[in-house]
Amino acid sequence: MIIKKYVLNKVAISCWVLSGLFLIIYKAIGSYVDNEGILVEPFFLIPFGYLFLFIGITSVLIQCVNNKFFNKHL
């Protein structure tokens, strides 16, 4: 179906945008050592960035496999 094709494209693009935003925000916030010697950084943004990148790549691969093997009528 054509609708499912565009939904996967939107999912992939939005995941890539979110991934980039998380990694840019991580770099923009930065890290520092406070007065007590403790490292303060927004570490949780790194796994979220890579998670959304992985989801975006996976959705594109699913779409390619689906178009190549399961949509013979197109």
Protein backbone atom coordinates (compact mmCIF):
# COMPACT_ATOMS: atom_id res chain seq x y z
CA MET A 1 0.00 0.00 0.00
CA ILE A 2 1.15 3.47 -0.81
CA ILE A 3 0.00 4.88 2.54
CA LYS A 4 2.23 2.49 4.49
CA LYS A 5 5.16 3.46 2.27
CA TYR A 6 4.81 7.14 3.19
CA VAL A 7 4.27 6.37 6.87
CA LEU A 8 7.59 4.50 7.00
CA ASN A 9 9.28 7.43 5.27
CA LYS A 10 7.89 9.83 7.86
CA VAL A 11 8.97 7.54 10.69
CA ALA A 12 12.51 7.29 9.32
CA ILE A 13 12.86 11.02 8.73
CA SER A 14 11.46 11.95 12.13
CA CYS A 15 13.73 9.45 13.87
CA TRP A 16 16.76 10.85 12.06
CA VAL A 17 15.77 14.40 12.98
CA LEU A 18 15.25 13.42 16.64
CA SER A 19 18.58 11.60 16.66
CA GLY A 20 20.36 14.65 15.34
CA LEU A 21 18.59 16.93 17.79
CA PHE A 22 19.53 14.76 20.77
CA LEU A 23 23.19 14.68 19.75
CA ILE A 24 23.28 18.42 18.99
CA ILE A 25 21.63 19.23 22.31
CA TYR A 26 24.18 17.03 24.09
CA LYS A 27 27.04 18.96 22.48
CA ALA A 28 25.34 22.33 23.12
CA ILE A 29 24.78 21.68 26.82
CA GLY A 30 28.27 20.33 27.31
CA SER A 31 29.75 18.90 30.48
CA TYR A 32 31.59 20.39 33.40
CA VAL A 33 33.07 19.50 36.75
CA ASP A 34 31.31 21.17 39.70
CA ASN A 35 32.95 22.49 42.87
CA GLU A 36 32.83 19.09 44.56
CA GLY A 37 34.68 17.38 41.70
CA ILE A 38 31.65 15.62 40.21
CA LEU A 39 31.27 15.45 36.44
CA VAL A 40 27.93 16.88 35.35
CA GLU A 41 26.77 16.01 31.84
CA PRO A 42 23.49 15.11 30.10
CA PHE A 43 24.64 11.56 29.37
CA PHE A 44 21.10 10.24 28.82
CA LEU A 45 20.92 12.11 25.49
CA ILE A 46 23.61 9.93 23.86
CA PRO A 47 21.72 6.59 24.04
CA PHE A 48 18.50 8.29 22.93
CA GLY A 49 20.32 9.76 19.93
CA TYR A 50 21.70 6.40 18.88
CA LEU A 51 18.40 4.65 19.58
CA PHE A 52 16.49 6.94 17.24
CA LEU A 53 19.23 6.62 14.63
CA PHE A 54 18.93 2.82 14.83
CA ILE A 55 15.12 2.99 14.56
CA GLY A 56 15.39 5.26 11.50
CA ILE A 57 17.87 2.98 9.74
CA THR A 58 15.80 -0.09 10.61
CA SER A 59 12.61 1.44 9.22
CA VAL A 60 14.35 2.27 5.93
CA LEU A 61 15.70 -1.29 5.70
CA ILE A 62 12.24 -2.72 6.40
CA GLN A 63 10.79 -0.50 3.68
CA CYS A 64 13.45 -1.58 1.17
CA VAL A 65 12.95 -5.28 1.89
CA ASN A 66 9.18 -4.85 1.77
CA ASN A 67 9.33 -3.06 -1.59
CA LYS A 68 11.77 -5.54 -3.12
CA PHE A 69 10.29 -8.86 -2.03
CA PHE A 70 6.67 -8.35 -1.04
CA ASN A 71 5.35 -5.73 -3.49
CA LYS A 72 5.69 -7.59 -6.78
CA HIS A 73 2.70 -5.79 -8.31
CA LEU A 74 4.37 -2.35 -8.33
